[in-house]
Amino acid sequence: MSVKAYLEITMKISESNRPAAAGVYTQYREPFLKTINGALTKELLIRDDDVQVLHGFSSEDEAKAYLNSELFKNDVFVGLKGLWDSDPDVRIYTVA
């Protein structure tokens, strides 16, 4: 299956909190890929200004559904919430 939609979460995270954020990414990457319907890819992108997690899905609806999943709400969100310098920017893109 090919990626038809991307969920991009961009987070302002200070340098001192980035190792903890990377730990959350690493901890939940495999469960995301194995248990979330339509999940195909998940990449951590580190930039000087922010950190992004780019999730690939087989449809836009599955990307939206992930944001309401137990894994996201109870594990990933909780693990990252205390690390943000400001609220994250969440966007969903469809592949043309």
Protein backbone atom coordinates (compact mmCIF):
# COMPACT_ATOMS: atom_id res chain seq x y z
CA MET A 1 0.00 0.00 0.00
CA SER A 2 1.21 3.52 -0.72
CA VAL A 3 0.94 6.63 1.43
CA LYS A 4 -2.14 8.66 0.51
CA ALA A 5 -2.13 11.08 3.47
CA TYR A 6 0.37 12.56 5.90
CA LEU A 7 -0.18 13.71 9.45
CA GLU A 8 2.48 16.26 10.37
CA ILE A 9 2.90 17.31 13.99
CA THR A 10 5.36 20.17 14.48
CA MET A 11 6.50 20.86 18.03
CA LYS A 12 8.62 23.59 19.59
CA ILE A 13 10.80 21.63 22.00
CA SER A 14 13.85 23.06 23.74
CA GLU A 15 17.23 21.45 23.19
CA SER A 16 17.23 20.06 26.75
CA ASN A 17 13.88 18.28 26.21
CA ARG A 18 14.66 16.80 22.80
CA PRO A 19 16.18 13.55 24.10
CA ALA A 20 12.98 12.88 26.07
CA ALA A 21 10.86 13.66 22.99
CA ALA A 22 12.98 11.28 20.90
CA GLY A 23 12.40 8.64 23.58
CA VAL A 24 8.62 9.03 23.23
CA TYR A 25 8.95 8.70 19.46
CA THR A 26 11.08 5.56 19.78
CA GLN A 27 8.82 3.99 22.40
CA TYR A 28 5.62 4.35 20.37
CA ARG A 29 6.87 4.00 16.77
CA GLU A 30 6.40 0.22 16.54
CA PRO A 31 3.03 0.16 18.36
CA PHE A 32 1.86 2.88 15.96
CA LEU A 33 2.93 0.93 12.89
CA LYS A 34 1.55 -2.38 14.20
CA THR A 35 -1.77 -1.34 15.75
CA ILE A 36 -3.08 1.83 14.08
CA ASN A 37 -5.36 1.18 11.13
CA GLY A 38 -3.83 2.50 7.90
CA ALA A 39 -0.48 3.48 9.46
CA LEU A 40 2.36 3.00 6.97
CA THR A 41 5.30 5.18 8.05
CA LYS A 42 6.48 7.34 10.93
CA GLU A 43 9.56 9.58 10.81
CA LEU A 44 11.16 11.93 13.34
CA LEU A 45 12.52 15.12 11.76
CA ILE A 46 14.83 17.33 13.83
CA ARG A 47 15.41 20.94 12.83
CA ASP A 48 17.09 23.83 14.61
CA ASP A 49 13.74 25.52 15.29
CA ASP A 50 11.47 22.56 15.96
CA VAL A 51 10.83 18.84 15.88
CA GLN A 52 8.39 17.20 13.48
CA VAL A 53 6.84 13.78 13.40
CA LEU A 54 5.61 12.81 9.96
CA HIS A 55 3.11 9.95 9.86
CA GLY A 56 2.13 8.25 6.60
CA PHE A 57 -1.36 6.73 6.22
CA SER A 58 -3.28 4.93 3.54
CA SER A 59 -6.11 7.51 3.77
CA GLU A 60 -6.95 10.92 5.20
CA ASP A 61 -9.71 9.42 7.34
CA GLU A 62 -7.22 7.07 9.01
CA ALA A 63 -4.88 10.00 9.74
CA LYS A 64 -7.76 11.87 11.39
CA ALA A 65 -8.82 8.77 13.33
CA TYR A 66 -5.33 8.35 14.80
CA LEU A 67 -5.66 11.70 16.60
CA ASN A 68 -8.61 10.23 18.52
CA SER A 69 -7.02 6.83 19.14
CA GLU A 70 -6.19 5.54 22.62
CA LEU A 71 -2.50 5.26 21.65
CA PHE A 72 -2.32 8.93 20.71
CA LYS A 73 -4.51 10.38 23.47
CA ASN A 74 -3.32 8.24 26.39
CA ASP A 75 0.32 7.51 25.51
CA VAL A 76 1.93 9.73 22.88
CA PHE A 77 0.14 12.96 23.81
CA VAL A 78 0.68 12.42 27.54
CA GLY A 79 4.37 11.61 26.99
CA LEU A 80 5.01 14.74 24.92
CA LYS A 81 2.71 17.30 26.55
CA GLY A 82 5.16 18.43 29.24
CA LEU A 83 7.98 18.85 26.70
CA TRP A 84 6.40 21.49 24.44
CA ASP A 85 7.38 25.14 24.58
CA SER A 86 4.05 25.97 22.88
CA ASP A 87 1.08 24.06 21.49
CA PRO A 88 1.98 21.83 18.54
CA ASP A 89 0.92 22.56 14.98
CA VAL A 90 -1.05 19.59 13.60
CA ARG A 91 -1.74 19.30 9.87
CA ILE A 92 -3.04 16.61 7.55
CA TYR A 93 -2.06 16.54 3.88
CA THR A 94 -3.41 14.37 1.10
CA VAL A 95 -1.17 13.03 -1.65
CA ALA A 96 -2.15 14.27 -5.11
